[in-house]
All heavy atoms as atom14 arrays in JSON, in Angstrom:
{
  "sequence": "LGASLLIPLDEYNRLTLSADANKLLVPTRPTM",
  "atom14_mask": [
    [1, 1, 1, 1, 1, 1, 1, 1, 0, 0, 0, 0, 0, 0],
    [1, 1, 1, 1, 0, 0, 0, 0, 0, 0, 0, 0, 0, 0],
    [1, 1, 1, 1, 1, 0, 0, 0, 0, 0, 0, 0, 0, 0],
    [1, 1, 1, 1, 1, 1, 0, 0, 0, 0, 0, 0, 0, 0],
    [1, 1, 1, 1, 1, 1, 1, 1, 0, 0, 0, 0, 0, 0],
    [1, 1, 1, 1, 1, 1, 1, 1, 0, 0, 0, 0, 0, 0],
    [1, 1, 1, 1, 1, 1, 1, 1, 0, 0, 0, 0, 0, 0],
    [1, 1, 1, 1, 1, 1, 1, 0, 0, 0, 0, 0, 0, 0],
    [1, 1, 1, 1, 1, 1, 1, 1, 0, 0, 0, 0, 0, 0],
    [1, 1, 1, 1, 1, 1, 1, 1, 0, 0, 0, 0, 0, 0],
    [1, 1, 1, 1, 1, 1, 1, 1, 1, 0, 0, 0, 0, 0],
    [1, 1, 1, 1, 1, 1, 1, 1, 1, 1, 1, 1, 0, 0],
    [1, 1, 1, 1, 1, 1, 1, 1, 0, 0, 0, 0, 0, 0],
    [1, 1, 1, 1, 1, 1, 1, 1, 1, 1, 1, 0, 0, 0],
    [1, 1, 1, 1, 1, 1, 1, 1, 0, 0, 0, 0, 0, 0],
    [1, 1, 1, 1, 1, 1, 1, 0, 0, 0, 0, 0, 0, 0],
    [1, 1, 1, 1, 1, 1, 1, 1, 0, 0, 0, 0, 0, 0],
    [1, 1, 1, 1, 1, 1, 0, 0, 0, 0, 0, 0, 0, 0],
    [1, 1, 1, 1, 1, 0, 0, 0, 0, 0, 0, 0, 0, 0],
    [1, 1, 1, 1, 1, 1, 1, 1, 0, 0, 0, 0, 0, 0],
    [1, 1, 1, 1, 1, 0, 0, 0, 0, 0, 0, 0, 0, 0],
    [1, 1, 1, 1, 1, 1, 1, 1, 0, 0, 0, 0, 0, 0],
    [1, 1, 1, 1, 1, 1, 1, 1, 1, 0, 0, 0, 0, 0],
    [1, 1, 1, 1, 1, 1, 1, 1, 0, 0, 0, 0, 0, 0],
    [1, 1, 1, 1, 1, 1, 1, 1, 0, 0, 0, 0, 0, 0],
    [1, 1, 1, 1, 1, 1, 1, 0, 0, 0, 0, 0, 0, 0],
    [1, 1, 1, 1, 1, 1, 1, 0, 0, 0, 0, 0, 0, 0],
    [1, 1, 1, 1, 1, 1, 1, 0, 0, 0, 0, 0, 0, 0],
    [1, 1, 1, 1, 1, 1, 1, 1, 1, 1, 1, 0, 0, 0],
    [1, 1, 1, 1, 1, 1, 1, 0, 0, 0, 0, 0, 0, 0],
    [1, 1, 1, 1, 1, 1, 1, 0, 0, 0, 0, 0, 0, 0],
    [1, 1, 1, 1, 1, 1, 1, 1, 0, 0, 0, 0, 0, 0]
  ],
  "atom14_positions": [
    [[0.82, 5.63, -3.57], [-0.2, 6.01, -2.57], [-0.44, 4.85, -1.62], [-0.53, 3.7, -2.09], [-1.49, 6.42, -3.24], [-1.44, 7.53, -4.31], [-2.76, 7.63, -5.05], [-1.04, 8.83, -3.7], [0.0, 0.0, 0.0], [0.0, 0.0, 0.0], [0.0, 0.0, 0.0], [0.0, 0.0, 0.0], [0.0, 0.0, 0.0], [0.0, 0.0, 0.0]],
    [[-0.55, 5.11, -0.34], [-0.77, 4.01, 0.59], [-1.56, 4.41, 1.79], [-1.63, 5.57, 2.19], [0.0, 0.0, 0.0], [0.0, 0.0, 0.0], [0.0, 0.0, 0.0], [0.0, 0.0, 0.0], [0.0, 0.0, 0.0], [0.0, 0.0, 0.0], [0.0, 0.0, 0.0], [0.0, 0.0, 0.0], [0.0, 0.0, 0.0], [0.0, 0.0, 0.0]],
    [[-2.15, 3.39, 2.43], [-2.91, 3.59, 3.65], [-2.64, 2.39, 4.56], [-2.41, 1.26, 4.1], [-4.4, 3.74, 3.41], [0.0, 0.0, 0.0], [0.0, 0.0, 0.0], [0.0, 0.0, 0.0], [0.0, 0.0, 0.0], [0.0, 0.0, 0.0], [0.0, 0.0, 0.0], [0.0, 0.0, 0.0], [0.0, 0.0, 0.0], [0.0, 0.0, 0.0]],
    [[-2.68, 2.61, 5.89], [-2.36, 1.55, 6.83], [-3.17, 1.76, 8.13], [-3.34, 2.87, 8.59], [-0.85, 1.55, 7.12], [-0.53, 0.49, 8.02], [0.0, 0.0, 0.0], [0.0, 0.0, 0.0], [0.0, 0.0, 0.0], [0.0, 0.0, 0.0], [0.0, 0.0, 0.0], [0.0, 0.0, 0.0], [0.0, 0.0, 0.0], [0.0, 0.0, 0.0]],
    [[-3.66, 0.62, 8.65], [-4.45, 0.65, 9.88], [-3.83, -0.32, 10.88], [-3.73, -1.53, 10.6], [-5.9, 0.26, 9.63], [-6.84, 0.2, 10.82], [-7.02, 1.55, 11.46], [-8.18, -0.42, 10.45], [0.0, 0.0, 0.0], [0.0, 0.0, 0.0], [0.0, 0.0, 0.0], [0.0, 0.0, 0.0], [0.0, 0.0, 0.0], [0.0, 0.0, 0.0]],
    [[-3.37, 0.21, 12.03], [-2.76, -0.62, 13.06], [-3.79, -0.81, 14.15], [-4.28, 0.17, 14.76], [-1.51, 0.08, 13.58], [-0.63, -0.71, 14.57], [0.84, -0.21, 14.51], [-1.1, -0.62, 16.01], [0.0, 0.0, 0.0], [0.0, 0.0, 0.0], [0.0, 0.0, 0.0], [0.0, 0.0, 0.0], [0.0, 0.0, 0.0], [0.0, 0.0, 0.0]],
    [[-4.13, -2.09, 14.44], [-5.17, -2.39, 15.39], [-4.56, -3.13, 16.62], [-4.01, -4.23, 16.46], [-6.25, -3.33, 14.77], [-6.79, -2.69, 13.5], [-7.37, -3.61, 15.78], [-7.68, -3.61, 12.69], [0.0, 0.0, 0.0], [0.0, 0.0, 0.0], [0.0, 0.0, 0.0], [0.0, 0.0, 0.0], [0.0, 0.0, 0.0], [0.0, 0.0, 0.0]],
    [[-4.59, -2.54, 17.82], [-4.08, -3.25, 19.01], [-5.14, -4.27, 19.47], [-6.22, -3.88, 19.89], [-3.89, -2.11, 20.01], [-4.87, -1.07, 19.61], [-5.02, -1.17, 18.12], [0.0, 0.0, 0.0], [0.0, 0.0, 0.0], [0.0, 0.0, 0.0], [0.0, 0.0, 0.0], [0.0, 0.0, 0.0], [0.0, 0.0, 0.0], [0.0, 0.0, 0.0]],
    [[-4.81, -5.55, 19.36], [-5.76, -6.6, 19.74], [-5.86, -6.68, 21.29], [-6.92, -6.93, 21.85], [-5.36, -7.94, 19.14], [-5.23, -7.92, 17.6], [-4.73, -9.28, 17.1], [-6.54, -7.56, 16.96], [0.0, 0.0, 0.0], [0.0, 0.0, 0.0], [0.0, 0.0, 0.0], [0.0, 0.0, 0.0], [0.0, 0.0, 0.0], [0.0, 0.0, 0.0]],
    [[-4.7, -6.57, 21.94], [-4.69, -6.55, 23.4], [-3.34, -5.93, 23.8], [-2.67, -5.3, 22.98], [-4.89, -7.94, 24.04], [-3.92, -8.99, 23.49], [-2.74, -8.61, 23.25], [-4.32, -10.16, 23.3], [0.0, 0.0, 0.0], [0.0, 0.0, 0.0], [0.0, 0.0, 0.0], [0.0, 0.0, 0.0], [0.0, 0.0, 0.0], [0.0, 0.0, 0.0]],
    [[-2.93, -6.13, 25.01], [-1.7, -5.5, 25.51], [-0.46, -5.93, 24.73], [0.48, -5.16, 24.59], [-1.52, -5.82, 27.0], [-0.32, -5.12, 27.63], [-0.19, -5.44, 29.1], [-1.1, -6.15, 29.64], [0.79, -4.97, 29.73], [0.0, 0.0, 0.0], [0.0, 0.0, 0.0], [0.0, 0.0, 0.0], [0.0, 0.0, 0.0], [0.0, 0.0, 0.0]],
    [[-0.45, -7.16, 24.22], [0.76, -7.68, 23.59], [0.62, -7.89, 22.07], [1.65, -7.97, 21.37], [1.14, -9.05, 24.22], [1.49, -8.93, 25.7], [0.57, -9.3, 26.68], [2.74, -8.45, 26.07], [0.88, -9.2, 28.04], [3.07, -8.36, 27.43], [2.13, -8.72, 28.4], [2.46, -8.62, 29.71], [0.0, 0.0, 0.0], [0.0, 0.0, 0.0]],
    [[-0.57, -8.03, 21.58], [-0.77, -8.4, 20.18], [-1.29, -7.22, 19.37], [-2.22, -6.53, 19.78], [-1.77, -9.54, 20.06], [-1.25, -10.78, 20.81], [-0.44, -11.57, 20.29], [-1.74, -10.98, 22.06], [0.0, 0.0, 0.0], [0.0, 0.0, 0.0], [0.0, 0.0, 0.0], [0.0, 0.0, 0.0], [0.0, 0.0, 0.0], [0.0, 0.0, 0.0]],
    [[-0.69, -7.04, 18.16], [-1.13, -5.99, 17.24], [-1.24, -6.55, 15.83], [-0.5, -7.49, 15.44], [-0.12, -4.82, 17.22], [0.08, -4.09, 18.51], [0.91, -2.88, 18.31], [2.14, -3.17, 17.59], [3.0, -2.23, 17.22], [2.79, -0.96, 17.47], [4.12, -2.56, 16.56], [0.0, 0.0, 0.0], [0.0, 0.0, 0.0], [0.0, 0.0, 0.0]],
    [[-2.18, -5.98, 15.06], [-2.38, -6.39, 13.69], [-2.4, -5.13, 12.81], [-3.15, -4.18, 13.13], [-3.7, -7.14, 13.54], [-4.05, -7.57, 12.08], [-3.05, -8.6, 11.56], [-5.48, -8.15, 12.02], [0.0, 0.0, 0.0], [0.0, 0.0, 0.0], [0.0, 0.0, 0.0], [0.0, 0.0, 0.0], [0.0, 0.0, 0.0], [0.0, 0.0, 0.0]],
    [[-1.61, -5.14, 11.75], [-1.57, -4.01, 10.81], [-2.06, -4.48, 9.45], [-1.58, -5.5, 8.94], [-0.14, -3.46, 10.69], [0.34, -3.04, 11.98], [-0.11, -2.28, 9.74], [0.0, 0.0, 0.0], [0.0, 0.0, 0.0], [0.0, 0.0, 0.0], [0.0, 0.0, 0.0], [0.0, 0.0, 0.0], [0.0, 0.0, 0.0], [0.0, 0.0, 0.0]],
    [[-3.01, -3.71, 8.89], [-3.51, -3.97, 7.52], [-3.13, -2.79, 6.63], [-3.42, -1.65, 7.02], [-5.07, -4.15, 7.57], [-5.59, -5.25, 8.49], [-7.11, -5.24, 8.52], [-5.06, -6.63, 8.08], [0.0, 0.0, 0.0], [0.0, 0.0, 0.0], [0.0, 0.0, 0.0], [0.0, 0.0, 0.0], [0.0, 0.0, 0.0], [0.0, 0.0, 0.0]],
    [[-2.52, -3.07, 5.52], [-2.0, -2.0, 4.67], [-2.29, -2.29, 3.2], [-2.5, -3.45, 2.78], [-0.49, -1.87, 4.85], [-0.15, -1.68, 6.21], [0.0, 0.0, 0.0], [0.0, 0.0, 0.0], [0.0, 0.0, 0.0], [0.0, 0.0, 0.0], [0.0, 0.0, 0.0], [0.0, 0.0, 0.0], [0.0, 0.0, 0.0], [0.0, 0.0, 0.0]],
    [[-2.28, -1.21, 2.42], [-2.44, -1.31, 0.95], [-1.73, -0.19, 0.29], [-1.69, 0.95, 0.78], [-3.95, -1.27, 0.6], [0.0, 0.0, 0.0], [0.0, 0.0, 0.0], [0.0, 0.0, 0.0], [0.0, 0.0, 0.0], [0.0, 0.0, 0.0], [0.0, 0.0, 0.0], [0.0, 0.0, 0.0], [0.0, 0.0, 0.0], [0.0, 0.0, 0.0]],
    [[-1.09, -0.47, -0.84], [-0.4, 0.51, -1.67], [-0.89, 0.4, -3.09], [-1.22, -0.68, -3.56], [1.13, 0.28, -1.63], [1.81, 0.94, -0.45], [1.09, 1.35, 0.48], [3.04, 1.02, -0.43], [0.0, 0.0, 0.0], [0.0, 0.0, 0.0], [0.0, 0.0, 0.0], [0.0, 0.0, 0.0], [0.0, 0.0, 0.0], [0.0, 0.0, 0.0]],
    [[-0.84, 1.51, -3.78], [-1.12, 1.56, -5.25], [-0.01, 2.35, -5.9], [0.39, 3.42, -5.35], [-2.46, 2.18, -5.55], [0.0, 0.0, 0.0], [0.0, 0.0, 0.0], [0.0, 0.0, 0.0], [0.0, 0.0, 0.0], [0.0, 0.0, 0.0], [0.0, 0.0, 0.0], [0.0, 0.0, 0.0], [0.0, 0.0, 0.0], [0.0, 0.0, 0.0]],
    [[0.52, 1.85, -7.02], [1.61, 2.51, -7.71], [1.28, 2.74, -9.19], [0.65, 1.89, -9.81], [2.87, 1.61, -7.71], [3.39, 1.43, -6.33], [4.15, 2.22, -5.79], [3.0, 0.3, -5.68], [0.0, 0.0, 0.0], [0.0, 0.0, 0.0], [0.0, 0.0, 0.0], [0.0, 0.0, 0.0], [0.0, 0.0, 0.0], [0.0, 0.0, 0.0]],
    [[1.73, 3.87, -9.7], [1.65, 4.11, -11.13], [2.93, 4.77, -11.6], [3.37, 5.8, -11.03], [0.49, 5.03, -11.48], [0.28, 5.14, -13.02], [-0.74, 6.15, -13.4], [-1.01, 6.13, -14.92], [0.21, 6.24, -15.73], [0.0, 0.0, 0.0], [0.0, 0.0, 0.0], [0.0, 0.0, 0.0], [0.0, 0.0, 0.0], [0.0, 0.0, 0.0]],
    [[3.57, 4.17, -12.61], [4.76, 4.76, -13.18], [4.38, 6.02, -13.91], [3.47, 6.02, -14.78], [5.42, 3.76, -14.13], [6.22, 2.63, -13.48], [6.56, 1.57, -14.5], [7.51, 3.18, -12.83], [0.0, 0.0, 0.0], [0.0, 0.0, 0.0], [0.0, 0.0, 0.0], [0.0, 0.0, 0.0], [0.0, 0.0, 0.0], [0.0, 0.0, 0.0]],
    [[5.07, 7.14, -13.66], [4.81, 8.39, -14.3], [5.78, 8.54, -15.47], [6.53, 9.5, -15.6], [4.95, 9.56, -13.31], [4.09, 9.46, -12.07], [4.27, 10.69, -11.2], [2.61, 9.3, -12.42], [0.0, 0.0, 0.0], [0.0, 0.0, 0.0], [0.0, 0.0, 0.0], [0.0, 0.0, 0.0], [0.0, 0.0, 0.0], [0.0, 0.0, 0.0]],
    [[5.72, 7.55, -16.35], [6.56, 7.45, -17.53], [5.66, 7.28, -18.75], [4.75, 6.46, -18.74], [7.54, 6.26, -17.4], [8.38, 6.12, -18.67], [8.44, 6.39, -16.17], [0.0, 0.0, 0.0], [0.0, 0.0, 0.0], [0.0, 0.0, 0.0], [0.0, 0.0, 0.0], [0.0, 0.0, 0.0], [0.0, 0.0, 0.0], [0.0, 0.0, 0.0]],
    [[5.88, 8.05, -19.8], [5.03, 7.92, -21.0], [5.15, 6.55, -21.62], [6.24, 5.91, -21.61], [5.54, 9.04, -21.94], [6.91, 9.34, -21.49], [6.9, 9.1, -19.99], [0.0, 0.0, 0.0], [0.0, 0.0, 0.0], [0.0, 0.0, 0.0], [0.0, 0.0, 0.0], [0.0, 0.0, 0.0], [0.0, 0.0, 0.0], [0.0, 0.0, 0.0]],
    [[4.05, 6.08, -22.2], [4.07, 4.78, -22.88], [4.75, 4.91, -24.24], [4.39, 5.82, -25.03], [2.62, 4.28, -23.07], [1.98, 4.22, -21.82], [2.6, 2.93, -23.71], [0.0, 0.0, 0.0], [0.0, 0.0, 0.0], [0.0, 0.0, 0.0], [0.0, 0.0, 0.0], [0.0, 0.0, 0.0], [0.0, 0.0, 0.0], [0.0, 0.0, 0.0]],
    [[5.71, 4.08, -24.5], [6.4, 4.09, -25.79], [5.45, 3.66, -26.91], [4.78, 2.62, -26.77], [7.61, 3.17, -25.75], [8.41, 3.14, -27.07], [9.51, 2.11, -27.0], [10.5, 2.41, -25.97], [11.56, 1.66, -25.72], [11.72, 0.54, -26.39], [12.43, 1.99, -24.77], [0.0, 0.0, 0.0], [0.0, 0.0, 0.0], [0.0, 0.0, 0.0]],
    [[5.38, 4.38, -28.04], [4.56, 3.94, -29.17], [4.99, 2.53, -29.61], [6.16, 2.23, -29.66], [4.88, 5.0, -30.26], [5.29, 6.22, -29.49], [6.0, 5.7, -28.25], [0.0, 0.0, 0.0], [0.0, 0.0, 0.0], [0.0, 0.0, 0.0], [0.0, 0.0, 0.0], [0.0, 0.0, 0.0], [0.0, 0.0, 0.0], [0.0, 0.0, 0.0]],
    [[4.02, 1.7, -29.94], [4.3, 0.3, -30.23], [4.73, 0.1, -31.7], [4.57, 0.98, -32.53], [3.04, -0.54, -29.95], [2.0, -0.11, -30.88], [2.57, -0.4, -28.53], [0.0, 0.0, 0.0], [0.0, 0.0, 0.0], [0.0, 0.0, 0.0], [0.0, 0.0, 0.0], [0.0, 0.0, 0.0], [0.0, 0.0, 0.0], [0.0, 0.0, 0.0]],
    [[5.29, -1.07, -31.95], [5.67, -1.46, -33.28], [4.46, -1.48, -34.19], [4.55, -1.11, -35.38], [6.35, -2.83, -33.27], [6.98, -3.25, -34.57], [8.47, -2.29, -34.95], [9.12, -3.21, -36.38], [0.0, 0.0, 0.0], [0.0, 0.0, 0.0], [0.0, 0.0, 0.0], [0.0, 0.0, 0.0], [0.0, 0.0, 0.0], [0.0, 0.0, 0.0]]
  ]
}
């Protein structure tokens, strides 16, 4: 899952702020 915000500072300069979150959809193996 991710979101991103692109901000134009002026005619030539841009700043992008982004974030992602990940979760493996794999079952946890029973431990020793």
